[in-house]
C-alpha atoms as a PDB file:
ATOM      1  CA  MET A   1      29.231  19.154   2.088  1.00  0.00           C
ATOM      2  CA  PRO A   2      30.571  15.645   0.894  1.00  0.00           C
ATOM      3  CA  GLY A   3      26.666  14.741   0.424  1.00  0.00           C
ATOM      4  CA  LEU A   4      26.703  17.797  -2.555  1.00  0.00           C
ATOM      5  CA  GLU A   5      29.776  17.237  -3.906  1.00  0.00           C
ATOM      6  CA  ASP A   6      29.618  13.516  -3.997  1.00  0.00           C
ATOM      7  CA  LEU A   7      25.734  13.998  -6.617  1.00  0.00           C
ATOM      8  CA  TYR A   8      27.621  17.097  -8.652  1.00  0.00           C
ATOM      9  CA  ARG A   9      30.084  14.499  -9.792  1.00  0.00           C
ATOM     10  CA  GLU A  10      27.670  11.325  -9.963  1.00  0.00           C
ATOM     11  CA  ILE A  11      25.753  13.783 -12.487  1.00  0.00           C
ATOM     12  CA  ILE A  12      28.705  15.060 -14.163  1.00  0.00           C
ATOM     13  CA  LEU A  13      29.897  10.856 -14.644  1.00  0.00           C
ATOM     14  CA  ASP A  14      26.288  10.027 -16.207  1.00  0.00           C
ATOM     15  CA  HIS A  15      26.546  13.207 -18.323  1.00  0.00           C
ATOM     16  CA  TYR A  16      29.856  12.342 -19.795  1.00  0.00           C
ATOM     17  CA  ARG A  17      29.661   8.152 -19.816  1.00  0.00           C
ATOM     18  CA  ASN A  18      26.179   8.388 -21.116  1.00  0.00           C
ATOM     19  CA  PRO A  19      26.041  11.975 -23.011  1.00  0.00           C
ATOM     20  CA  ARG A  20      22.411  13.117 -23.722  1.00  0.00           C
ATOM     21  CA  ASN A  21      21.628  14.886 -27.710  1.00  0.00           C
ATOM     22  CA  ARG A  22      24.542  14.209 -28.811  1.00  0.00           C
ATOM     23  CA  GLY A  23      25.515  14.199 -32.722  1.00  0.00           C
ATOM     24  CA  GLU A  24      24.866  16.472 -35.711  1.00  0.00           C
ATOM     25  CA  LEU A  25      21.735  18.363 -37.280  1.00  0.00           C
ATOM     26  CA  GLU A  26      22.308  19.101 -41.279  1.00  0.00           C
ATOM     27  CA  SER A  27      23.285  22.916 -41.732  1.00  0.00           C
ATOM     28  CA  PRO A  28      21.920  24.470 -42.735  1.00  0.00           C
ATOM     29  CA  PRO A  29      19.160  24.323 -41.766  1.00  0.00           C
ATOM     30  CA  ALA A  30      20.104  24.377 -38.397  1.00  0.00           C
ATOM     31  CA  LEU A  31      22.464  26.846 -36.958  1.00  0.00           C
ATOM     32  CA  ARG A  32      25.975  25.462 -36.477  1.00  0.00           C
ATOM     33  CA  ALA A  33      27.600  27.311 -33.269  1.00  0.00           C
ATOM     34  CA  GLU A  34      31.221  25.753 -31.678  1.00  0.00           C
ATOM     35  CA  GLY A  35      33.171  27.080 -29.307  1.00  0.00           C
ATOM     36  CA  PHE A  36      37.599  25.275 -28.767  1.00  0.00           C
ATOM     37  CA  ASN A  37      39.615  26.327 -25.618  1.00  0.00           C
ATOM     38  CA  PRO A  38      43.548  26.843 -27.341  1.00  0.00           C
ATOM     39  CA  LEU A  39      44.506  26.236 -23.747  1.00  0.00           C
ATOM     40  CA  CYS A  40      43.547  22.672 -23.273  1.00  0.00           C
ATOM     41  CA  GLY A  41      42.134  22.340 -26.461  1.00  0.00           C
ATOM     42  CA  ASP A  42      38.318  21.386 -25.475  1.00  0.00           C
ATOM     43  CA  GLU A  43      35.829  21.679 -28.307  1.00  0.00           C
ATOM     44  CA  VAL A  44      31.785  21.966 -28.169  1.00  0.00           C
ATOM     45  CA  VAL A  45      29.916  21.904 -31.518  1.00  0.00           C
ATOM     46  CA  ILE A  46      26.021  22.951 -31.119  1.00  0.00           C
ATOM     47  CA  TYR A  47      23.793  22.127 -34.081  1.00  0.00           C
ATOM     48  CA  LEU A  48      20.054  24.018 -33.027  1.00  0.00           C
ATOM     49  CA  ALA A  49      17.234  23.768 -34.957  1.00  0.00           C
ATOM     50  CA  MET A  50      13.938  26.567 -34.380  1.00  0.00           C
ATOM     51  CA  ASP A  51      10.732  26.004 -35.584  1.00  0.00           C
ATOM     52  CA  GLY A  52       9.073  30.091 -35.100  1.00  0.00           C
ATOM     53  CA  GLY A  53      10.357  30.508 -31.473  1.00  0.00           C
ATOM     54  CA  VAL A  54      10.615  27.072 -29.839  1.00  0.00           C
ATOM     55  CA  ILE A  55      14.318  25.289 -30.436  1.00  0.00           C
ATOM     56  CA  ALA A  56      12.667  22.140 -32.183  1.00  0.00           C
ATOM     57  CA  ASP A  57      16.249  20.370 -31.990  1.00  0.00           C
ATOM     58  CA  LEU A  58      19.456  20.173 -30.736  1.00  0.00           C
ATOM     59  CA  LYS A  59      22.589  18.264 -30.930  1.00  0.00           C
ATOM     60  CA  VAL A  60      25.681  18.519 -29.531  1.00  0.00           C
ATOM     61  CA  SER A  61      29.039  17.131 -30.729  1.00  0.00           C
ATOM     62  CA  GLY A  62      33.195  17.593 -29.285  1.00  0.00           C
ATOM     63  CA  GLN A  63      35.868  16.130 -27.858  1.00  0.00           C
ATOM     64  CA  GLY A  64      37.332  16.832 -24.354  1.00  0.00           C
ATOM     65  CA  CYS A  65      37.056  17.006 -20.384  1.00  0.00           C
ATOM     66  CA  SER A  66      33.948  15.435 -18.571  1.00  0.00           C
ATOM     67  CA  ILE A  67      33.151  18.638 -16.872  1.00  0.00           C
ATOM     68  CA  SER A  68      33.012  20.267 -20.914  1.00  0.00           C
ATOM     69  CA  GLN A  69      31.515  17.011 -22.403  1.00  0.00           C
ATOM     70  CA  SER A  70      29.306  16.799 -19.387  1.00  0.00           C
ATOM     71  CA  SER A  71      27.389  20.324 -19.285  1.00  0.00           C
ATOM     72  CA  ALA A  72      26.173  20.354 -23.061  1.00  0.00           C
ATOM     73  CA  SER A  73      24.742  17.556 -22.041  1.00  0.00           C
ATOM     74  CA  MET A  74      23.346  19.136 -19.279  1.00  0.00           C
ATOM     75  CA  MET A  75      22.497  22.448 -21.274  1.00  0.00           C
ATOM     76  CA  SER A  76      21.086  20.587 -24.218  1.00  0.00           C
ATOM     77  CA  THR A  77      18.603  19.138 -21.811  1.00  0.00           C
ATOM     78  CA  ALA A  78      17.688  22.369 -20.318  1.00  0.00           C
ATOM     79  CA  VAL A  79      17.692  24.148 -23.560  1.00  0.00           C
ATOM     80  CA  LYS A  80      15.468  22.116 -25.902  1.00  0.00           C
ATOM     81  CA  ALA A  81      12.291  22.619 -26.623  1.00  0.00           C
ATOM     82  CA  ARG A  82      12.132  26.120 -24.683  1.00  0.00           C
ATOM     83  CA  HIS A  83      10.599  29.376 -26.214  1.00  0.00           C
ATOM     84  CA  TRP A  84      13.437  31.329 -27.553  1.00  0.00           C
ATOM     85  CA  PRO A  85      11.733  35.183 -27.982  1.00  0.00           C
ATOM     86  CA  ARG A  86      13.963  34.972 -31.651  1.00  0.00           C
ATOM     87  CA  PRO A  87      15.147  32.681 -34.016  1.00  0.00           C
ATOM     88  CA  ALA A  88      19.099  32.731 -32.409  1.00  0.00           C
ATOM     89  CA  ARG A  89      22.121  33.537 -34.817  1.00  0.00           C
ATOM     90  CA  PRO A  90      25.789  32.126 -33.928  1.00  0.00           C
ATOM     91  CA  SER A  91      27.633  35.535 -32.960  1.00  0.00           C
ATOM     92  CA  ARG A  92      30.633  36.075 -34.331  1.00  0.00           C
ATOM     93  CA  PRO A  93      33.338  37.795 -33.735  1.00  0.00           C
ATOM     94  CA  SER A  94      33.705  40.918 -34.105  1.00  0.00           C
ATOM     95  CA  GLY A  95      36.244  42.406 -36.688  1.00  0.00           C
ATOM     96  CA  PRO A  96      39.301  44.920 -36.082  1.00  0.00           C
END
């Protein structure tokens, strides 16, 4: 399916070159969560502002390869303004 693969590449490159919802929100009141891949160095930070059960605003920052940064951009457009069953809380790794 070469046509589908080309479209997939095009979408990823578009989100990498023109990221959506790039930036930061003041934390608090926004929730902040970060992910880091120690194997490749990719880093994604997500800022999430809730208004009741709705994602009122969402910003993404970080650095890394086109796949990690594009997927963060695509995710931000997919979930912004959506209803969330309850206010989200960043998860923390549990201790020993």
